[in-house]
Amino acid sequence: MPSRTGRKMDGSGGHGRLKAHYSGDILITSLDSATTFDKLCEEVREMCHLHQGHLLTLKWVDSEGDPCTVSSQMEAFRLSCQHKD
C-alpha cells in the first residue's frame, strides 16, 4: 500500500497487520511499515466505511492488556519501534 509524502512510522519496509474492532465486527488488513499516521487513519476510515471528516480514536492494546490511545505520528513511530522483531 503506498504512503503519502511525510514522516513515516518506520523505515524498515516491512509489513504489519492492523486489526480493528468496530461496530461488533473485527476487520483485518495489512499495512506497510512505512505507512504515515494520516494514511493509517485513512485506512481505518475505509475499513469501517466512515466519511473523511469522521473523528477517530485509535488505540492499541499493550502487553498488559491495557488500551493506549495513539494520537500522533510520533506516538505511532514509537510504537512501531517497540514492536520490531
N, C-alpha and C. Protein backbone atom coordinates (compact mmCIF):
# COMPACT_ATOMS: atom_id res chain seq x y z
N MET A 1 0.85 -1.16 0.00
CA MET A 1 0.00 0.00 0.00
C MET A 1 0.90 1.23 0.00
N PRO A 2 0.71 2.14 -0.92
CA PRO A 2 1.58 3.33 -0.96
C PRO A 2 1.27 4.27 0.19
N SER A 3 2.29 5.03 0.58
CA SER A 3 2.08 6.01 1.65
C SER A 3 2.20 7.41 1.09
N ARG A 4 1.61 8.36 1.80
CA ARG A 4 1.73 9.76 1.40
C ARG A 4 3.11 10.26 1.75
N THR A 5 3.47 11.36 1.13
CA THR A 5 4.72 12.02 1.48
C THR A 5 4.60 12.51 2.90
N GLY A 6 5.65 12.37 3.65
CA GLY A 6 5.62 12.80 5.04
C GLY A 6 6.40 11.84 5.90
N ARG A 7 6.45 12.12 7.19
CA ARG A 7 7.17 11.25 8.11
C ARG A 7 6.50 9.89 8.14
N LYS A 8 7.29 8.87 8.25
CA LYS A 8 6.78 7.51 8.22
C LYS A 8 6.90 6.86 9.58
N MET A 9 6.12 5.80 9.80
CA MET A 9 6.15 5.13 11.10
C MET A 9 7.49 4.47 11.35
N ASP A 10 8.10 3.90 10.35
CA ASP A 10 9.48 3.44 10.45
C ASP A 10 9.98 3.20 9.04
N GLY A 11 11.25 3.03 8.88
CA GLY A 11 11.80 2.90 7.54
C GLY A 11 12.20 1.50 7.16
N SER A 12 11.69 0.51 7.85
CA SER A 12 12.16 -0.85 7.62
C SER A 12 11.63 -1.48 6.34
N GLY A 13 10.53 -0.98 5.80
CA GLY A 13 9.98 -1.55 4.58
C GLY A 13 9.20 -2.83 4.80
N GLY A 14 8.98 -3.26 6.04
CA GLY A 14 8.23 -4.47 6.33
C GLY A 14 6.73 -4.23 6.32
N HIS A 15 6.00 -5.23 6.74
CA HIS A 15 4.54 -5.13 6.79
C HIS A 15 4.06 -5.49 8.19
N GLY A 16 2.90 -5.00 8.51
CA GLY A 16 2.27 -5.33 9.78
C GLY A 16 0.80 -5.57 9.56
N ARG A 17 0.15 -6.07 10.58
CA ARG A 17 -1.27 -6.37 10.48
C ARG A 17 -2.04 -5.42 11.37
N LEU A 18 -3.11 -4.86 10.84
CA LEU A 18 -3.99 -3.99 11.60
C LEU A 18 -5.30 -4.72 11.82
N LYS A 19 -5.68 -4.83 13.06
CA LYS A 19 -6.94 -5.48 13.42
C LYS A 19 -7.80 -4.42 14.09
N ALA A 20 -8.96 -4.14 13.49
CA ALA A 20 -9.85 -3.11 14.01
C ALA A 20 -11.14 -3.74 14.51
N HIS A 21 -11.54 -3.32 15.70
CA HIS A 21 -12.82 -3.74 16.27
C HIS A 21 -13.75 -2.55 16.11
N TYR A 22 -14.83 -2.72 15.33
CA TYR A 22 -15.74 -1.62 15.07
C TYR A 22 -17.16 -2.14 14.89
N SER A 23 -18.06 -1.58 15.64
CA SER A 23 -19.49 -1.88 15.50
C SER A 23 -19.77 -3.39 15.53
N GLY A 24 -19.07 -4.09 16.41
CA GLY A 24 -19.29 -5.52 16.57
C GLY A 24 -18.53 -6.40 15.58
N ASP A 25 -17.84 -5.79 14.64
CA ASP A 25 -17.08 -6.54 13.65
C ASP A 25 -15.58 -6.45 13.95
N ILE A 26 -14.84 -7.45 13.50
CA ILE A 26 -13.39 -7.42 13.57
C ILE A 26 -12.90 -7.36 12.13
N LEU A 27 -12.18 -6.29 11.80
CA LEU A 27 -11.70 -6.06 10.44
C LEU A 27 -10.17 -6.14 10.45
N ILE A 28 -9.59 -6.83 9.48
CA ILE A 28 -8.15 -7.03 9.43
C ILE A 28 -7.62 -6.61 8.07
N THR A 29 -6.50 -5.89 8.08
CA THR A 29 -5.83 -5.50 6.84
C THR A 29 -4.33 -5.52 7.06
N SER A 30 -3.59 -5.49 5.98
CA SER A 30 -2.13 -5.44 6.03
C SER A 30 -1.68 -4.01 5.77
N LEU A 31 -0.69 -3.55 6.53
CA LEU A 31 -0.14 -2.21 6.36
C LEU A 31 1.36 -2.29 6.13
N ASP A 32 1.85 -1.45 5.25
CA ASP A 32 3.28 -1.30 5.06
C ASP A 32 3.82 -0.57 6.28
N SER A 33 4.98 -0.95 6.77
CA SER A 33 5.52 -0.31 7.96
C SER A 33 5.89 1.16 7.71
N ALA A 34 5.96 1.56 6.44
CA ALA A 34 6.26 2.94 6.09
C ALA A 34 5.01 3.80 5.99
N THR A 35 3.86 3.26 6.37
CA THR A 35 2.61 4.00 6.32
C THR A 35 2.65 5.18 7.28
N THR A 36 2.20 6.33 6.80
CA THR A 36 2.15 7.51 7.66
C THR A 36 0.95 7.42 8.58
N PHE A 37 0.96 8.23 9.63
CA PHE A 37 -0.17 8.27 10.56
C PHE A 37 -1.45 8.68 9.84
N ASP A 38 -1.35 9.68 8.94
CA ASP A 38 -2.52 10.11 8.18
C ASP A 38 -3.08 8.98 7.32
N LYS A 39 -2.18 8.22 6.69
CA LYS A 39 -2.60 7.09 5.86
C LYS A 39 -3.24 5.99 6.72
N LEU A 40 -2.71 5.79 7.93
CA LEU A 40 -3.30 4.83 8.85
C LEU A 40 -4.74 5.22 9.17
N CYS A 41 -4.95 6.50 9.47
CA CYS A 41 -6.31 6.98 9.75
C CYS A 41 -7.22 6.79 8.54
N GLU A 42 -6.69 7.09 7.35
CA GLU A 42 -7.46 6.91 6.12
C GLU A 42 -7.84 5.45 5.93
N GLU A 43 -6.91 4.54 6.18
CA GLU A 43 -7.16 3.10 6.03
C GLU A 43 -8.26 2.64 7.00
N VAL A 44 -8.21 3.12 8.23
CA VAL A 44 -9.23 2.74 9.21
C VAL A 44 -10.60 3.27 8.78
N ARG A 45 -10.64 4.52 8.31
CA ARG A 45 -11.92 5.08 7.83
C ARG A 45 -12.49 4.24 6.69
N GLU A 46 -11.61 3.82 5.76
CA GLU A 46 -12.04 2.99 4.64
C GLU A 46 -12.58 1.65 5.13
N MET A 47 -11.84 1.00 6.01
CA MET A 47 -12.23 -0.31 6.53
C MET A 47 -13.60 -0.26 7.20
N CYS A 48 -13.83 0.82 7.93
CA CYS A 48 -15.07 0.95 8.72
C CYS A 48 -16.17 1.71 8.00
N HIS A 49 -15.91 2.07 6.74
CA HIS A 49 -16.88 2.80 5.92
C HIS A 49 -17.31 4.11 6.57
N LEU A 50 -16.34 4.88 7.05
CA LEU A 50 -16.59 6.17 7.67
C LEU A 50 -16.25 7.29 6.68
N HIS A 51 -16.96 8.41 6.77
CA HIS A 51 -16.65 9.52 5.88
C HIS A 51 -15.35 10.20 6.31
N GLN A 52 -14.76 10.95 5.42
CA GLN A 52 -13.44 11.56 5.63
C GLN A 52 -13.37 12.43 6.88
N GLY A 53 -14.42 13.17 7.20
CA GLY A 53 -14.39 14.07 8.34
C GLY A 53 -14.69 13.40 9.68
N HIS A 54 -14.98 12.11 9.67
CA HIS A 54 -15.33 11.40 10.90
C HIS A 54 -14.12 11.36 11.84
N LEU A 55 -14.32 11.83 13.05
CA LEU A 55 -13.24 11.80 14.04
C LEU A 55 -12.96 10.37 14.50
N LEU A 56 -11.68 10.06 14.68
CA LEU A 56 -11.27 8.72 15.09
C LEU A 56 -10.51 8.77 16.40
N THR A 57 -10.62 7.70 17.15
CA THR A 57 -9.73 7.46 18.27
C THR A 57 -9.09 6.10 18.00
N LEU A 58 -7.78 6.10 17.77
CA LEU A 58 -7.06 4.86 17.51
C LEU A 58 -6.39 4.41 18.80
N LYS A 59 -6.53 3.13 19.10
CA LYS A 59 -5.91 2.58 20.30
C LYS A 59 -5.21 1.28 19.96
N TRP A 60 -4.22 0.95 20.75
CA TRP A 60 -3.58 -0.34 20.66
C TRP A 60 -3.60 -0.94 22.05
N VAL A 61 -3.51 -2.25 22.12
CA VAL A 61 -3.54 -2.94 23.42
C VAL A 61 -2.10 -3.32 23.76
N ASP A 62 -1.63 -2.83 24.92
CA ASP A 62 -0.24 -3.10 25.31
C ASP A 62 -0.08 -4.50 25.87
N SER A 63 1.12 -4.84 26.26
CA SER A 63 1.43 -6.20 26.73
C SER A 63 0.70 -6.57 28.00
N GLU A 64 0.19 -5.57 28.74
CA GLU A 64 -0.57 -5.84 29.96
C GLU A 64 -2.08 -5.86 29.71
N GLY A 65 -2.47 -5.71 28.43
CA GLY A 65 -3.88 -5.74 28.08
C GLY A 65 -4.60 -4.41 28.23
N ASP A 66 -3.84 -3.34 28.44
CA ASP A 66 -4.45 -2.02 28.61
C ASP A 66 -4.54 -1.30 27.27
N PRO A 67 -5.71 -0.67 26.96
CA PRO A 67 -5.82 0.11 25.73
C PRO A 67 -5.07 1.43 25.87
N CYS A 68 -4.28 1.78 24.85
CA CYS A 68 -3.49 3.02 24.84
C CYS A 68 -3.85 3.80 23.58
N THR A 69 -4.14 5.07 23.71
CA THR A 69 -4.52 5.91 22.58
C THR A 69 -3.30 6.31 21.76
N VAL A 70 -3.42 6.19 20.45
CA VAL A 70 -2.39 6.66 19.51
C VAL A 70 -2.93 7.95 18.92
N SER A 71 -2.25 9.07 19.18
CA SER A 71 -2.81 10.35 18.76
C SER A 71 -1.92 11.17 17.85
N SER A 72 -0.75 10.63 17.47
CA SER A 72 0.14 11.41 16.63
C SER A 72 1.09 10.50 15.86
N GLN A 73 1.74 11.08 14.86
CA GLN A 73 2.75 10.36 14.09
C GLN A 73 3.89 9.91 14.99
N MET A 74 4.31 10.77 15.92
CA MET A 74 5.43 10.43 16.79
C MET A 74 5.09 9.23 17.67
N GLU A 75 3.89 9.17 18.18
CA GLU A 75 3.48 8.05 19.01
C GLU A 75 3.43 6.77 18.18
N ALA A 76 2.93 6.85 16.96
CA ALA A 76 2.88 5.69 16.08
C ALA A 76 4.30 5.20 15.77
N PHE A 77 5.22 6.12 15.54
CA PHE A 77 6.62 5.76 15.28
C PHE A 77 7.21 5.04 16.50
N ARG A 78 6.96 5.58 17.70
CA ARG A 78 7.48 4.97 18.93
C ARG A 78 6.95 3.55 19.08
N LEU A 79 5.68 3.34 18.81
CA LEU A 79 5.08 2.01 18.93
C LEU A 79 5.68 1.04 17.92
N SER A 80 5.88 1.51 16.68
CA SER A 80 6.43 0.61 15.67
C SER A 80 7.86 0.21 16.03
N CYS A 81 8.61 1.12 16.63
CA CYS A 81 9.98 0.79 17.05
C CYS A 81 9.98 -0.22 18.19
N GLN A 82 9.02 -0.11 19.09
CA GLN A 82 8.92 -1.04 20.23
C GLN A 82 8.62 -2.45 19.79
N HIS A 83 7.88 -2.60 18.70
CA HIS A 83 7.41 -3.92 18.29
C HIS A 83 8.16 -4.51 17.12
N LYS A 84 9.37 -4.03 16.84
CA LYS A 84 10.19 -4.64 15.80
C LYS A 84 10.76 -5.94 16.33
N ASP A 85 10.84 -6.93 15.47
CA ASP A 85 11.40 -8.25 15.87
C ASP A 85 12.89 -8.18 15.92
